[in-house]
Amino acid sequence: MVLGRIAWFNQAVVASDITAQSTATAASGGWPVVLAKAIQIISIVGGVIWWLYGVYSDITDVDDIANMPSWIFGG
């Protein structure tokens, strides 16, 4: 296996290359498979954005700050 012989950070770059994944997927299964992969990537990115927004909302909400431990915001 080629990936087993390269460093982990190079493996991460290869695995995260969306263009290469789309090209390989299109060659093997056509556009329905590429569309499914795009939906998967969008849902993962959207989930992370939603989570970060929720964390930001909790940190800036006065009611949430009052219920947090004192060592975080002196609440």
PDB file of N, CA and C in Angstrom:
ATOM      1  N   MET A   1       0.841  -1.181   0.000  1.00  0.00           N
ATOM      2  CA  MET A   1       0.000   0.000   0.000  1.00  0.00           C
ATOM      3  C   MET A   1       0.886   1.244   0.000  1.00  0.00           C
ATOM      4  N   VAL A   2       0.601   2.161  -0.880  1.00  0.00           N
ATOM      5  CA  VAL A   2       1.436   3.345  -1.026  1.00  0.00           C
ATOM      6  C   VAL A   2       1.308   4.262   0.185  1.00  0.00           C
ATOM      7  N   LEU A   3       0.079   4.468   0.687  1.00  0.00           N
ATOM      8  CA  LEU A   3      -0.113   5.384   1.811  1.00  0.00           C
ATOM      9  C   LEU A   3       0.609   4.935   3.064  1.00  0.00           C
ATOM     10  N   GLY A   4       0.813   3.644   3.234  1.00  0.00           N
ATOM     11  CA  GLY A   4       1.510   3.144   4.406  1.00  0.00           C
ATOM     12  C   GLY A   4       2.978   3.502   4.425  1.00  0.00           C
ATOM     13  N   ARG A   5       3.531   3.888   3.288  1.00  0.00           N
ATOM     14  CA  ARG A   5       4.959   4.169   3.197  1.00  0.00           C
ATOM     15  C   ARG A   5       5.294   5.654   3.257  1.00  0.00           C
ATOM     16  N   ILE A   6       4.297   6.522   3.361  1.00  0.00           N
ATOM     17  CA  ILE A   6       4.582   7.956   3.457  1.00  0.00           C
ATOM     18  C   ILE A   6       4.186   8.457   4.845  1.00  0.00           C
ATOM     19  N   ALA A   7       4.703   9.623   5.197  1.00  0.00           N
ATOM     20  CA  ALA A   7       4.470  10.179   6.535  1.00  0.00           C
ATOM     21  C   ALA A   7       2.990  10.476   6.756  1.00  0.00           C
ATOM     22  N   TRP A   8       2.578  10.507   8.025  1.00  0.00           N
ATOM     23  CA  TRP A   8       1.166  10.694   8.354  1.00  0.00           C
ATOM     24  C   TRP A   8       0.641  12.026   7.857  1.00  0.00           C
ATOM     25  N   PHE A   9       1.475  13.085   7.893  1.00  0.00           N
ATOM     26  CA  PHE A   9       0.978  14.390   7.459  1.00  0.00           C
ATOM     27  C   PHE A   9       0.775  14.420   5.947  1.00  0.00           C
ATOM     28  N   ASN A  10       1.577  13.670   5.214  1.00  0.00           N
ATOM     29  CA  ASN A  10       1.332  13.560   3.776  1.00  0.00           C
ATOM     30  C   ASN A  10       0.083  12.723   3.497  1.00  0.00           C
ATOM     31  N   GLN A  11      -0.159  11.719   4.329  1.00  0.00           N
ATOM     32  CA  GLN A  11      -1.375  10.926   4.192  1.00  0.00           C
ATOM     33  C   GLN A  11      -2.602  11.801   4.417  1.00  0.00           C
ATOM     34  N   ALA A  12      -2.534  12.712   5.401  1.00  0.00           N
ATOM     35  CA  ALA A  12      -3.654  13.607   5.688  1.00  0.00           C
ATOM     36  C   ALA A  12      -3.918  14.535   4.509  1.00  0.00           C
ATOM     37  N   VAL A  13      -2.862  15.026   3.879  1.00  0.00           N
ATOM     38  CA  VAL A  13      -3.032  15.902   2.715  1.00  0.00           C
ATOM     39  C   VAL A  13      -3.686  15.134   1.578  1.00  0.00           C
ATOM     40  N   VAL A  14      -3.231  13.914   1.348  1.00  0.00           N
ATOM     41  CA  VAL A  14      -3.814  13.100   0.276  1.00  0.00           C
ATOM     42  C   VAL A  14      -5.270  12.788   0.575  1.00  0.00           C
ATOM     43  N   ALA A  15      -5.592  12.442   1.816  1.00  0.00           N
ATOM     44  CA  ALA A  15      -6.960  12.081   2.177  1.00  0.00           C
ATOM     45  C   ALA A  15      -7.898  13.274   2.133  1.00  0.00           C
ATOM     46  N   SER A  16      -7.380  14.473   2.378  1.00  0.00           N
ATOM     47  CA  SER A  16      -8.250  15.645   2.409  1.00  0.00           C
ATOM     48  C   SER A  16      -8.330  16.373   1.072  1.00  0.00           C
ATOM     49  N   ASP A  17      -7.657  15.886   0.066  1.00  0.00           N
ATOM     50  CA  ASP A  17      -7.699  16.528  -1.245  1.00  0.00           C
ATOM     51  C   ASP A  17      -9.033  16.222  -1.910  1.00  0.00           C
ATOM     52  N   ILE A  18      -9.949  17.172  -1.807  1.00  0.00           N
ATOM     53  CA  ILE A  18     -11.308  16.974  -2.295  1.00  0.00           C
ATOM     54  C   ILE A  18     -11.324  16.813  -3.811  1.00  0.00           C
ATOM     55  N   THR A  19     -10.466  17.525  -4.488  1.00  0.00           N
ATOM     56  CA  THR A  19     -10.426  17.433  -5.944  1.00  0.00           C
ATOM     57  C   THR A  19     -10.029  16.039  -6.388  1.00  0.00           C
ATOM     58  N   ALA A  20      -9.018  15.485  -5.735  1.00  0.00           N
ATOM     59  CA  ALA A  20      -8.584  14.133  -6.096  1.00  0.00           C
ATOM     60  C   ALA A  20      -9.654  13.110  -5.760  1.00  0.00           C
ATOM     61  N   GLN A  21     -10.324  13.282  -4.628  1.00  0.00           N
ATOM     62  CA  GLN A  21     -11.395  12.356  -4.264  1.00  0.00           C
ATOM     63  C   GLN A  21     -12.536  12.428  -5.261  1.00  0.00           C
ATOM     64  N   SER A  22     -12.901  13.636  -5.674  1.00  0.00           N
ATOM     65  CA  SER A  22     -13.996  13.794  -6.625  1.00  0.00           C
ATOM     66  C   SER A  22     -13.646  13.180  -7.967  1.00  0.00           C
ATOM     67  N   THR A  23     -12.413  13.387  -8.394  1.00  0.00           N
ATOM     68  CA  THR A  23     -11.982  12.823  -9.671  1.00  0.00           C
ATOM     69  C   THR A  23     -11.998  11.305  -9.626  1.00  0.00           C
ATOM     70  N   ALA A  24     -11.474  10.741  -8.558  1.00  0.00           N
ATOM     71  CA  ALA A  24     -11.460   9.282  -8.427  1.00  0.00           C
ATOM     72  C   ALA A  24     -12.868   8.723  -8.323  1.00  0.00           C
ATOM     73  N   THR A  25     -13.728   9.422  -7.602  1.00  0.00           N
ATOM     74  CA  THR A  25     -15.102   8.968  -7.444  1.00  0.00           C
ATOM     75  C   THR A  25     -15.851   9.057  -8.761  1.00  0.00           C
ATOM     76  N   ALA A  26     -15.645  10.135  -9.494  1.00  0.00           N
ATOM     77  CA  ALA A  26     -16.315  10.294 -10.782  1.00  0.00           C
ATOM     78  C   ALA A  26     -15.874   9.217 -11.764  1.00  0.00           C
ATOM     79  N   ALA A  27     -14.596   8.868 -11.709  1.00  0.00           N
ATOM     80  CA  ALA A  27     -14.088   7.834 -12.613  1.00  0.00           C
ATOM     81  C   ALA A  27     -14.660   6.474 -12.278  1.00  0.00           C
ATOM     82  N   SER A  28     -14.986   6.255 -11.015  1.00  0.00           N
ATOM     83  CA  SER A  28     -15.459   4.928 -10.620  1.00  0.00           C
ATOM     84  C   SER A  28     -16.976   4.796 -10.591  1.00  0.00           C
ATOM     85  N   GLY A  29     -17.707   5.881 -10.278  1.00  0.00           N
ATOM     86  CA  GLY A  29     -19.139   5.711 -10.111  1.00  0.00           C
ATOM     87  C   GLY A  29     -20.012   6.746 -10.780  1.00  0.00           C
ATOM     88  N   GLY A  30     -19.431   7.723 -11.393  1.00  0.00           N
ATOM     89  CA  GLY A  30     -20.231   8.722 -12.073  1.00  0.00           C
ATOM     90  C   GLY A  30     -20.682   9.843 -11.153  1.00  0.00           C
ATOM     91  N   TRP A  31     -21.503  10.736 -11.696  1.00  0.00           N
ATOM     92  CA  TRP A  31     -21.926  11.937 -10.989  1.00  0.00           C
ATOM     93  C   TRP A  31     -22.796  11.693  -9.763  1.00  0.00           C
ATOM     94  N   PRO A  32     -23.631  10.662  -9.722  1.00  0.00           N
ATOM     95  CA  PRO A  32     -24.393  10.449  -8.473  1.00  0.00           C
ATOM     96  C   PRO A  32     -23.484  10.221  -7.263  1.00  0.00           C
ATOM     97  N   VAL A  33     -22.372   9.555  -7.481  1.00  0.00           N
ATOM     98  CA  VAL A  33     -21.439   9.305  -6.386  1.00  0.00           C
ATOM     99  C   VAL A  33     -20.725  10.601  -5.994  1.00  0.00           C
ATOM    100  N   VAL A  34     -20.368  11.418  -6.981  1.00  0.00           N
ATOM    101  CA  VAL A  34     -19.734  12.707  -6.696  1.00  0.00           C
ATOM    102  C   VAL A  34     -20.703  13.606  -5.926  1.00  0.00           C
ATOM    103  N   LEU A  35     -21.962  13.604  -6.320  1.00  0.00           N
ATOM    104  CA  LEU A  35     -22.970  14.399  -5.618  1.00  0.00           C
ATOM    105  C   LEU A  35     -23.120  13.941  -4.172  1.00  0.00           C
ATOM    106  N   ALA A  36     -23.131  12.633  -3.947  1.00  0.00           N
ATOM    107  CA  ALA A  36     -23.230  12.107  -2.580  1.00  0.00           C
ATOM    108  C   ALA A  36     -22.025  12.527  -1.749  1.00  0.00           C
ATOM    109  N   LYS A  37     -20.839  12.499  -2.355  1.00  0.00           N
ATOM    110  CA  LYS A  37     -19.624  12.919  -1.641  1.00  0.00           C
ATOM    111  C   LYS A  37     -19.682  14.412  -1.325  1.00  0.00           C
ATOM    112  N   ALA A  38     -20.166  15.226  -2.267  1.00  0.00           N
ATOM    113  CA  ALA A  38     -20.276  16.662  -2.028  1.00  0.00           C
ATOM    114  C   ALA A  38     -21.254  16.955  -0.897  1.00  0.00           C
ATOM    115  N   ILE A  39     -22.374  16.247  -0.870  1.00  0.00           N
ATOM    116  CA  ILE A  39     -23.351  16.428   0.210  1.00  0.00           C
ATOM    117  C   ILE A  39     -22.736  16.033   1.549  1.00  0.00           C
ATOM    118  N   GLN A  40     -21.963  14.985   1.556  1.00  0.00           N
ATOM    119  CA  GLN A  40     -21.296  14.549   2.788  1.00  0.00           C
ATOM    120  C   GLN A  40     -20.327  15.620   3.288  1.00  0.00           C
ATOM    121  N   ILE A  41     -19.524  16.177   2.400  1.00  0.00           N
ATOM    122  CA  ILE A  41     -18.556  17.198   2.788  1.00  0.00           C
ATOM    123  C   ILE A  41     -19.265  18.451   3.289  1.00  0.00           C
ATOM    124  N   ILE A  42     -20.323  18.862   2.573  1.00  0.00           N
ATOM    125  CA  ILE A  42     -21.080  20.045   2.980  1.00  0.00           C
ATOM    126  C   ILE A  42     -21.715  19.842   4.350  1.00  0.00           C
ATOM    127  N   SER A  43     -22.236  18.646   4.606  1.00  0.00           N
ATOM    128  CA  SER A  43     -22.872  18.400   5.901  1.00  0.00           C
ATOM    129  C   SER A  43     -21.853  18.403   7.043  1.00  0.00           C
ATOM    130  N   ILE A  44     -20.655  17.913   6.786  1.00  0.00           N
ATOM    131  CA  ILE A  44     -19.622  17.926   7.821  1.00  0.00           C
ATOM    132  C   ILE A  44     -19.191  19.360   8.119  1.00  0.00           C
ATOM    133  N   VAL A  45     -18.924  20.129   7.071  1.00  0.00           N
ATOM    134  CA  VAL A  45     -18.513  21.518   7.261  1.00  0.00           C
ATOM    135  C   VAL A  45     -19.644  22.318   7.916  1.00  0.00           C
ATOM    136  N   GLY A  46     -20.874  22.094   7.472  1.00  0.00           N
ATOM    137  CA  GLY A  46     -22.016  22.788   8.075  1.00  0.00           C
ATOM    138  C   GLY A  46     -22.189  22.447   9.538  1.00  0.00           C
ATOM    139  N   GLY A  47     -21.963  21.198   9.895  1.00  0.00           N
ATOM    140  CA  GLY A  47     -22.060  20.788  11.297  1.00  0.00           C
ATOM    141  C   GLY A  47     -21.022  21.463  12.171  1.00  0.00           C
ATOM    142  N   VAL A  48     -19.811  21.594  11.663  1.00  0.00           N
ATOM    143  CA  VAL A  48     -18.754  22.268  12.419  1.00  0.00           C
ATOM    144  C   VAL A  48     -19.084  23.748  12.590  1.00  0.00           C
ATOM    145  N   ILE A  49     -19.578  24.387  11.525  1.00  0.00           N
ATOM    146  CA  ILE A  49     -19.952  25.797  11.611  1.00  0.00           C
ATOM    147  C   ILE A  49     -21.088  25.983  12.617  1.00  0.00           C
ATOM    148  N   TRP A  50     -22.075  25.109  12.574  1.00  0.00           N
ATOM    149  CA  TRP A  50     -23.208  25.184  13.514  1.00  0.00           C
ATOM    150  C   TRP A  50     -22.723  25.017  14.951  1.00  0.00           C
ATOM    151  N   TRP A  51     -21.801  24.097  15.185  1.00  0.00           N
ATOM    152  CA  TRP A  51     -21.251  23.866  16.520  1.00  0.00           C
ATOM    153  C   TRP A  51     -20.489  25.100  17.013  1.00  0.00           C
ATOM    154  N   LEU A  52     -19.639  25.678  16.138  1.00  0.00           N
ATOM    155  CA  LEU A  52     -18.892  26.870  16.530  1.00  0.00           C
ATOM    156  C   LEU A  52     -19.829  28.040  16.834  1.00  0.00           C
ATOM    157  N   TYR A  53     -20.887  28.197  16.055  1.00  0.00           N
ATOM    158  CA  TYR A  53     -21.866  29.241  16.318  1.00  0.00           C
ATOM    159  C   TYR A  53     -22.535  29.026  17.677  1.00  0.00           C
ATOM    160  N   GLY A  54     -22.851  27.780  17.987  1.00  0.00           N
ATOM    161  CA  GLY A  54     -23.463  27.467  19.282  1.00  0.00           C
ATOM    162  C   GLY A  54     -22.540  27.772  20.447  1.00  0.00           C
ATOM    163  N   VAL A  55     -21.265  27.445  20.301  1.00  0.00           N
ATOM    164  CA  VAL A  55     -20.291  27.746  21.350  1.00  0.00           C
ATOM    165  C   VAL A  55     -20.169  29.256  21.533  1.00  0.00           C
ATOM    166  N   TYR A  56     -20.078  29.982  20.414  1.00  0.00           N
ATOM    167  CA  TYR A  56     -19.998  31.438  20.489  1.00  0.00           C
ATOM    168  C   TYR A  56     -21.249  32.026  21.140  1.00  0.00           C
ATOM    169  N   SER A  57     -22.404  31.493  20.783  1.00  0.00           N
ATOM    170  CA  SER A  57     -23.658  31.974  21.355  1.00  0.00           C
ATOM    171  C   SER A  57     -23.705  31.738  22.858  1.00  0.00           C
ATOM    172  N   ASP A  58     -23.241  30.571  23.298  1.00  0.00           N
ATOM    173  CA  ASP A  58     -23.225  30.276  24.733  1.00  0.00           C
ATOM    174  C   ASP A  58     -22.269  31.203  25.488  1.00  0.00           C
ATOM    175  N   ILE A  59     -21.132  31.491  24.882  1.00  0.00           N
ATOM    176  CA  ILE A  59     -20.140  32.328  25.553  1.00  0.00           C
ATOM    177  C   ILE A  59     -20.625  33.772  25.677  1.00  0.00           C
ATOM    178  N   THR A  60     -21.362  34.262  24.686  1.00  0.00           N
ATOM    179  CA  THR A  60     -21.776  35.666  24.695  1.00  0.00           C
ATOM    180  C   THR A  60     -23.150  35.898  25.310  1.00  0.00           C
ATOM    181  N   ASP A  61     -23.886  34.854  25.645  1.00  0.00           N
ATOM    182  CA  ASP A  61     -25.224  35.010  26.221  1.00  0.00           C
ATOM    183  C   ASP A  61     -25.112  35.268  27.727  1.00  0.00           C
ATOM    184  N   VAL A  62     -25.730  36.342  28.192  1.00  0.00           N
ATOM    185  CA  VAL A  62     -25.629  36.741  29.601  1.00  0.00           C
ATOM    186  C   VAL A  62     -26.204  35.670  30.510  1.00  0.00           C
ATOM    187  N   ASP A  63     -27.323  35.073  30.140  1.00  0.00           N
ATOM    188  CA  ASP A  63     -27.926  34.032  30.975  1.00  0.00           C
ATOM    189  C   ASP A  63     -27.025  32.810  31.084  1.00  0.00           C
ATOM    190  N   ASP A  64     -26.366  32.438  29.990  1.00  0.00           N
ATOM    191  CA  ASP A  64     -25.466  31.291  30.037  1.00  0.00           C
ATOM    192  C   ASP A  64     -24.213  31.596  30.853  1.00  0.00           C
ATOM    193  N   ILE A  65     -23.715  32.823  30.751  1.00  0.00           N
ATOM    194  CA  ILE A  65     -22.522  33.194  31.519  1.00  0.00           C
ATOM    195  C   ILE A  65     -22.821  33.123  33.016  1.00  0.00           C
ATOM    196  N   ALA A  66     -24.021  33.513  33.425  1.00  0.00           N
ATOM    197  CA  ALA A  66     -24.385  33.490  34.841  1.00  0.00           C
ATOM    198  C   ALA A  66     -24.429  32.068  35.385  1.00  0.00           C
ATOM    199  N   ASN A  67     -24.680  31.089  34.523  1.00  0.00           N
ATOM    200  CA  ASN A  67     -24.771  29.695  34.974  1.00  0.00           C
ATOM    201  C   ASN A  67     -23.468  28.924  34.807  1.00  0.00           C
ATOM    202  N   MET A  68     -22.421  29.573  34.312  1.00  0.00           N
ATOM    203  CA  MET A  68     -21.153  28.891  34.115  1.00  0.00           C
ATOM    204  C   MET A  68     -20.344  28.910  35.407  1.00  0.00           C
ATOM    205  N   PRO A  69     -19.403  27.971  35.532  1.00  0.00           N
ATOM    206  CA  PRO A  69     -18.557  27.962  36.728  1.00  0.00           C
ATOM    207  C   PRO A  69     -17.767  29.258  36.861  1.00  0.00           C
ATOM    208  N   SER A  70     -17.459  29.634  38.092  1.00  0.00           N
ATOM    209  CA  SER A  70     -16.795  30.914  38.335  1.00  0.00           C
ATOM    210  C   SER A  70     -15.387  30.958  37.750  1.00  0.00           C
ATOM    211  N   TRP A  71     -14.748  29.816  37.573  1.00  0.00           N
ATOM    212  CA  TRP A  71     -13.388  29.830  37.054  1.00  0.00           C
ATOM    213  C   TRP A  71     -13.351  30.129  35.563  1.00  0.00           C
ATOM    214  N   ILE A  72     -14.513  30.124  34.882  1.00  0.00           N
ATOM    215  CA  ILE A  72     -14.526  30.445  33.446  1.00  0.00           C
ATOM    216  C   ILE A  72     -14.715  31.934  33.242  1.00  0.00           C
ATOM    217  N   PHE A  73     -15.796  32.487  33.771  1.00  0.00           N
ATOM    218  CA  PHE A  73     -16.115  33.896  33.534  1.00  0.00           C
ATOM    219  C   PHE A  73     -16.328  34.681  34.826  1.00  0.00           C
ATOM    220  N   GLY A  74     -15.996  34.104  35.939  1.00  0.00           N
ATOM    221  CA  GLY A  74     -16.216  34.771  37.212  1.00  0.00           C
ATOM    222  C   GLY A  74     -17.696  34.845  37.563  1.00  0.00           C
ATOM    223  N   GLY A  75     -18.509  33.908  36.989  1.00  0.00           N
ATOM    224  CA  GLY A  75     -19.957  33.916  37.171  1.00  0.00           C
ATOM    225  C   GLY A  75     -20.362  33.399  38.463  1.00  0.00           C
TER     226      GLY A  75
END
